[in-house]
Amino acid sequence: MWIAGWGIPVSDGQRVLCYNDWYMKDEPRPYKERITADPAILAGRPAVRGTRIAVSLVLEELAQNPDVDELLAAHPDLTLTDVKACLAYAKALAMGEEVSPKPPKAGASSAPLV
């Protein structure tokens, strides 16, 4: 028997793993090596390590235009892995998971993101 759309052969007695199950088991925090927060950079807001690109900027630009190629062209220091890390970080926040680095509390800083 084949799983439709996945091309994974399955015989009786085998456990079938979906992509999300496999992905989440291997790396519970796929963003932890890519997302950082430094009080001296962007007022401590979560950003892509080694850049001044905030996670919130990546999410905002993807919400406006989901074309990742355009996002990467607009920000040459950003990689596809960085974008995936930003999305994984946002997903963890949305799911109510404990994340590190923690986002600043609302209203904690009125500094512009430049």
N, C-alpha and C. Protein backbone atom coordinates (compact mmCIF):
# COMPACT_ATOMS: atom_id res chain seq x y z
N MET A 1 0.85 -1.17 0.00
CA MET A 1 0.00 0.00 0.00
C MET A 1 0.90 1.24 0.00
N TRP A 2 0.45 2.31 -0.64
CA TRP A 2 1.19 3.57 -0.68
C TRP A 2 0.36 4.66 -0.03
N ILE A 3 1.03 5.57 0.65
CA ILE A 3 0.34 6.74 1.20
C ILE A 3 0.23 7.76 0.09
N ALA A 4 -0.99 8.18 -0.18
CA ALA A 4 -1.23 9.11 -1.28
C ALA A 4 -0.44 10.40 -1.09
N GLY A 5 0.26 10.82 -2.12
CA GLY A 5 0.98 12.07 -2.10
C GLY A 5 2.34 12.01 -1.42
N TRP A 6 2.62 10.98 -0.67
CA TRP A 6 3.89 10.90 0.05
C TRP A 6 4.86 9.92 -0.60
N GLY A 7 4.34 8.93 -1.32
CA GLY A 7 5.21 7.96 -1.94
C GLY A 7 5.94 7.09 -0.93
N ILE A 8 5.33 6.88 0.23
CA ILE A 8 5.96 6.08 1.27
C ILE A 8 5.30 4.71 1.30
N PRO A 9 6.07 3.64 1.05
CA PRO A 9 5.46 2.31 1.12
C PRO A 9 5.17 1.94 2.56
N VAL A 10 4.03 1.32 2.77
CA VAL A 10 3.62 0.92 4.11
C VAL A 10 3.13 -0.52 4.06
N SER A 11 3.61 -1.35 4.98
CA SER A 11 3.08 -2.69 5.10
C SER A 11 2.42 -2.82 6.46
N ASP A 12 1.65 -3.82 6.66
CA ASP A 12 0.96 -4.01 7.93
C ASP A 12 1.96 -4.06 9.07
N GLY A 13 1.62 -3.40 10.17
CA GLY A 13 2.46 -3.41 11.35
C GLY A 13 3.49 -2.30 11.40
N GLN A 14 3.67 -1.56 10.31
CA GLN A 14 4.63 -0.45 10.34
C GLN A 14 3.93 0.82 10.80
N ARG A 15 4.66 1.61 11.56
CA ARG A 15 4.15 2.90 11.98
C ARG A 15 4.47 3.92 10.90
N VAL A 16 3.50 4.71 10.53
CA VAL A 16 3.69 5.73 9.51
C VAL A 16 3.97 7.05 10.20
N LEU A 17 5.05 7.70 9.82
CA LEU A 17 5.38 9.00 10.38
C LEU A 17 5.09 10.08 9.35
N CYS A 18 4.38 11.09 9.75
CA CYS A 18 4.16 12.21 8.84
C CYS A 18 5.35 13.15 8.95
N TYR A 19 5.46 14.06 8.03
CA TYR A 19 6.58 15.00 8.02
C TYR A 19 6.67 15.77 9.34
N ASN A 20 5.57 16.30 9.83
CA ASN A 20 5.59 17.11 11.05
C ASN A 20 6.03 16.29 12.25
N ASP A 21 5.60 15.05 12.34
CA ASP A 21 6.00 14.19 13.46
C ASP A 21 7.51 13.97 13.43
N TRP A 22 8.05 13.67 12.26
CA TRP A 22 9.48 13.44 12.12
C TRP A 22 10.26 14.71 12.41
N TYR A 23 9.82 15.83 11.86
CA TYR A 23 10.52 17.10 12.00
C TYR A 23 10.56 17.55 13.46
N MET A 24 9.45 17.48 14.13
CA MET A 24 9.37 17.95 15.50
C MET A 24 10.14 17.04 16.45
N LYS A 25 10.26 15.77 16.16
CA LYS A 25 10.99 14.85 17.02
C LYS A 25 12.50 15.09 16.91
N ASP A 26 12.99 15.37 15.71
CA ASP A 26 14.42 15.55 15.52
C ASP A 26 14.93 16.84 16.15
N GLU A 27 14.23 17.92 16.02
CA GLU A 27 14.71 19.21 16.50
C GLU A 27 13.55 19.97 17.13
N PRO A 28 13.42 19.90 18.46
CA PRO A 28 12.29 20.54 19.10
C PRO A 28 12.33 22.07 18.99
N ARG A 29 13.51 22.66 18.84
CA ARG A 29 13.65 24.10 18.68
C ARG A 29 14.56 24.40 17.49
N PRO A 30 14.04 24.27 16.30
CA PRO A 30 14.91 24.46 15.12
C PRO A 30 15.44 25.88 14.98
N TYR A 31 14.92 26.82 15.75
CA TYR A 31 15.33 28.21 15.65
C TYR A 31 16.45 28.59 16.63
N LYS A 32 16.76 27.74 17.59
CA LYS A 32 17.62 28.15 18.70
C LYS A 32 19.03 28.55 18.27
N GLU A 33 19.54 28.04 17.19
CA GLU A 33 20.87 28.43 16.72
C GLU A 33 20.84 29.67 15.84
N ARG A 34 19.67 30.06 15.39
CA ARG A 34 19.56 31.16 14.43
C ARG A 34 18.96 32.44 15.00
N ILE A 35 18.15 32.32 16.04
CA ILE A 35 17.46 33.48 16.59
C ILE A 35 18.13 33.88 17.90
N THR A 36 18.41 35.17 18.04
CA THR A 36 19.08 35.67 19.22
C THR A 36 18.45 36.98 19.66
N ALA A 37 18.73 37.40 20.87
CA ALA A 37 18.28 38.69 21.37
C ALA A 37 19.42 39.32 22.15
N ASP A 38 19.81 40.52 21.73
CA ASP A 38 20.89 41.25 22.37
C ASP A 38 20.36 42.64 22.70
N PRO A 39 20.42 43.05 23.97
CA PRO A 39 19.90 44.38 24.34
C PRO A 39 20.52 45.52 23.53
N ALA A 40 21.73 45.33 23.02
CA ALA A 40 22.39 46.37 22.25
C ALA A 40 21.96 46.39 20.78
N ILE A 41 21.22 45.38 20.36
CA ILE A 41 20.77 45.30 18.96
C ILE A 41 19.25 45.23 18.93
N LEU A 42 18.65 46.16 18.23
CA LEU A 42 17.19 46.22 18.06
C LEU A 42 16.45 46.21 19.41
N ALA A 43 17.03 46.86 20.39
CA ALA A 43 16.42 46.98 21.73
C ALA A 43 16.10 45.61 22.34
N GLY A 44 16.89 44.60 21.99
CA GLY A 44 16.70 43.27 22.57
C GLY A 44 15.62 42.43 21.93
N ARG A 45 15.06 42.90 20.84
CA ARG A 45 14.04 42.11 20.16
C ARG A 45 14.69 40.92 19.45
N PRO A 46 13.97 39.80 19.35
CA PRO A 46 14.53 38.62 18.65
C PRO A 46 14.89 38.96 17.21
N ALA A 47 16.09 38.56 16.83
CA ALA A 47 16.61 38.85 15.50
C ALA A 47 17.39 37.66 14.99
N VAL A 48 17.64 37.67 13.69
CA VAL A 48 18.46 36.63 13.07
C VAL A 48 19.91 36.87 13.50
N ARG A 49 20.52 35.82 14.02
CA ARG A 49 21.90 35.91 14.53
C ARG A 49 22.84 36.48 13.47
N GLY A 50 23.67 37.44 13.90
CA GLY A 50 24.66 38.03 13.02
C GLY A 50 24.12 39.12 12.10
N THR A 51 22.85 39.48 12.28
CA THR A 51 22.24 40.52 11.45
C THR A 51 21.49 41.49 12.34
N ARG A 52 20.97 42.53 11.73
CA ARG A 52 20.05 43.45 12.41
C ARG A 52 18.65 43.27 11.81
N ILE A 53 18.33 42.04 11.45
CA ILE A 53 17.03 41.72 10.85
C ILE A 53 16.17 41.07 11.94
N ALA A 54 15.13 41.79 12.35
CA ALA A 54 14.24 41.29 13.40
C ALA A 54 13.34 40.18 12.87
N VAL A 55 13.03 39.25 13.75
CA VAL A 55 12.08 38.18 13.40
C VAL A 55 10.76 38.81 12.97
N SER A 56 10.34 39.86 13.68
CA SER A 56 9.07 40.52 13.34
C SER A 56 9.09 41.12 11.94
N LEU A 57 10.25 41.61 11.49
CA LEU A 57 10.36 42.16 10.13
C LEU A 57 10.17 41.05 9.10
N VAL A 58 10.82 39.92 9.33
CA VAL A 58 10.67 38.78 8.40
C VAL A 58 9.21 38.36 8.31
N LEU A 59 8.55 38.24 9.47
CA LEU A 59 7.14 37.83 9.48
C LEU A 59 6.25 38.87 8.81
N GLU A 60 6.51 40.14 9.08
CA GLU A 60 5.72 41.20 8.47
C GLU A 60 5.85 41.20 6.96
N GLU A 61 7.07 41.05 6.47
CA GLU A 61 7.28 41.05 5.02
C GLU A 61 6.67 39.81 4.37
N LEU A 62 6.74 38.66 5.04
CA LEU A 62 6.10 37.45 4.49
C LEU A 62 4.57 37.59 4.50
N ALA A 63 4.02 38.27 5.50
CA ALA A 63 2.57 38.49 5.55
C ALA A 63 2.13 39.40 4.41
N GLN A 64 2.94 40.37 4.06
CA GLN A 64 2.63 41.30 2.97
C GLN A 64 2.80 40.64 1.60
N ASN A 65 3.86 39.84 1.50
CA ASN A 65 4.18 39.18 0.23
C ASN A 65 4.87 37.85 0.54
N PRO A 66 4.18 36.73 0.39
CA PRO A 66 4.76 35.44 0.77
C PRO A 66 5.82 34.89 -0.18
N ASP A 67 6.32 35.69 -1.09
CA ASP A 67 7.36 35.23 -2.02
C ASP A 67 8.72 35.28 -1.31
N VAL A 68 9.20 34.13 -0.89
CA VAL A 68 10.45 34.04 -0.14
C VAL A 68 11.63 34.51 -1.00
N ASP A 69 11.59 34.24 -2.29
CA ASP A 69 12.69 34.68 -3.16
C ASP A 69 12.84 36.19 -3.14
N GLU A 70 11.72 36.92 -3.15
CA GLU A 70 11.78 38.38 -3.07
C GLU A 70 12.30 38.84 -1.72
N LEU A 71 11.90 38.16 -0.67
CA LEU A 71 12.39 38.50 0.67
C LEU A 71 13.91 38.31 0.74
N LEU A 72 14.39 37.20 0.22
CA LEU A 72 15.83 36.93 0.24
C LEU A 72 16.60 37.92 -0.64
N ALA A 73 16.00 38.33 -1.76
CA ALA A 73 16.65 39.31 -2.63
C ALA A 73 16.72 40.68 -1.94
N ALA A 74 15.70 41.02 -1.18
CA ALA A 74 15.66 42.31 -0.48
C ALA A 74 16.61 42.35 0.71
N HIS A 75 16.93 41.20 1.26
CA HIS A 75 17.81 41.10 2.43
C HIS A 75 18.90 40.06 2.14
N PRO A 76 19.98 40.48 1.47
CA PRO A 76 21.03 39.53 1.07
C PRO A 76 21.68 38.78 2.24
N ASP A 77 21.65 39.33 3.44
CA ASP A 77 22.25 38.64 4.59
C ASP A 77 21.36 37.53 5.12
N LEU A 78 20.14 37.46 4.66
CA LEU A 78 19.17 36.48 5.12
C LEU A 78 19.24 35.21 4.26
N THR A 79 19.13 34.05 4.90
CA THR A 79 19.13 32.78 4.16
C THR A 79 17.77 32.10 4.32
N LEU A 80 17.53 31.11 3.52
CA LEU A 80 16.29 30.34 3.63
C LEU A 80 16.20 29.67 5.01
N THR A 81 17.32 29.20 5.52
CA THR A 81 17.34 28.60 6.85
C THR A 81 16.95 29.62 7.92
N ASP A 82 17.39 30.87 7.74
CA ASP A 82 17.01 31.93 8.67
C ASP A 82 15.50 32.17 8.64
N VAL A 83 14.93 32.19 7.45
CA VAL A 83 13.48 32.40 7.30
C VAL A 83 12.72 31.26 7.98
N LYS A 84 13.18 30.03 7.77
CA LYS A 84 12.54 28.89 8.42
C LYS A 84 12.64 28.99 9.94
N ALA A 85 13.78 29.47 10.43
CA ALA A 85 13.96 29.64 11.88
C ALA A 85 12.99 30.69 12.42
N CYS A 86 12.80 31.77 11.68
CA CYS A 86 11.84 32.81 12.10
C CYS A 86 10.43 32.24 12.16
N LEU A 87 10.06 31.45 11.17
CA LEU A 87 8.73 30.84 11.16
C LEU A 87 8.56 29.84 12.30
N ALA A 88 9.59 29.05 12.57
CA ALA A 88 9.53 28.09 13.67
C ALA A 88 9.42 28.81 15.02
N TYR A 89 10.13 29.93 15.16
CA TYR A 89 10.07 30.73 16.39
C TYR A 89 8.66 31.29 16.57
N ALA A 90 8.10 31.83 15.51
CA ALA A 90 6.74 32.39 15.57
C ALA A 90 5.71 31.30 15.87
N LYS A 91 5.90 30.13 15.30
CA LYS A 91 4.98 29.01 15.56
C LYS A 91 5.04 28.63 17.03
N ALA A 92 6.23 28.54 17.59
CA ALA A 92 6.38 28.18 19.00
C ALA A 92 5.69 29.21 19.88
N LEU A 93 5.84 30.49 19.56
CA LEU A 93 5.15 31.54 20.32
C LEU A 93 3.64 31.40 20.22
N ALA A 94 3.17 31.16 19.00
CA ALA A 94 1.72 31.04 18.78
C ALA A 94 1.14 29.82 19.49
N MET A 95 1.94 28.78 19.64
CA MET A 95 1.48 27.57 20.32
C MET A 95 1.60 27.68 21.85
N GLY A 96 2.11 28.81 22.32
CA GLY A 96 2.25 29.02 23.75
C GLY A 96 3.42 28.29 24.36
N GLU A 97 4.37 27.88 23.54
CA GLU A 97 5.54 27.18 24.05
C GLU A 97 6.52 28.16 24.68
N GLU A 98 7.34 27.67 25.56
CA GLU A 98 8.41 28.46 26.16
C GLU A 98 9.49 28.60 25.10
N VAL A 99 9.87 29.83 24.77
CA VAL A 99 10.87 30.07 23.73
C VAL A 99 12.09 30.75 24.33
N SER A 100 13.20 30.59 23.65
CA SER A 100 14.42 31.27 24.02
C SER A 100 15.11 31.71 22.74
N PRO A 101 15.37 32.97 22.54
CA PRO A 101 15.21 34.05 23.49
C PRO A 101 13.76 34.48 23.63
N LYS A 102 13.44 35.00 24.81
CA LYS A 102 12.09 35.46 25.05
C LYS A 102 11.90 36.82 24.40
N PRO A 103 10.71 37.05 23.82
CA PRO A 103 10.46 38.37 23.26
C PRO A 103 10.31 39.38 24.40
N PRO A 104 10.63 40.66 24.14
CA PRO A 104 10.46 41.66 25.20
C PRO A 104 8.98 41.82 25.54
N LYS A 105 8.71 42.22 26.76
CA LYS A 105 7.32 42.45 27.18
C LYS A 105 6.76 43.63 26.39
N ALA A 106 5.45 43.59 26.13
CA ALA A 106 4.79 44.67 25.40
C ALA A 106 5.02 45.99 26.11
N GLY A 107 5.40 46.99 25.33
CA GLY A 107 5.60 48.31 25.90
C GLY A 107 6.92 48.46 26.63
N ALA A 108 7.77 47.44 26.63
CA ALA A 108 9.03 47.51 27.35
C ALA A 108 10.02 48.48 26.72
N SER A 109 9.87 48.70 25.42
CA SER A 109 10.78 49.61 24.74
C SER A 109 10.04 50.35 23.65
N SER A 110 10.30 51.63 23.57
CA SER A 110 9.67 52.40 22.49
C SER A 110 10.70 52.76 21.44
N ALA A 111 11.87 52.14 21.51
CA ALA A 111 12.93 52.41 20.55
C ALA A 111 12.54 51.92 19.16
N PRO A 112 12.83 52.74 18.12
CA PRO A 112 12.51 52.30 16.77
C PRO A 112 13.40 51.13 16.34
N LEU A 113 12.91 50.35 15.41
CA LEU A 113 13.66 49.19 14.91
C LEU A 113 14.50 49.58 13.71
N VAL A 114 15.56 50.31 13.93
CA VAL A 114 16.46 50.69 12.84
C VAL A 114 17.83 50.16 13.05
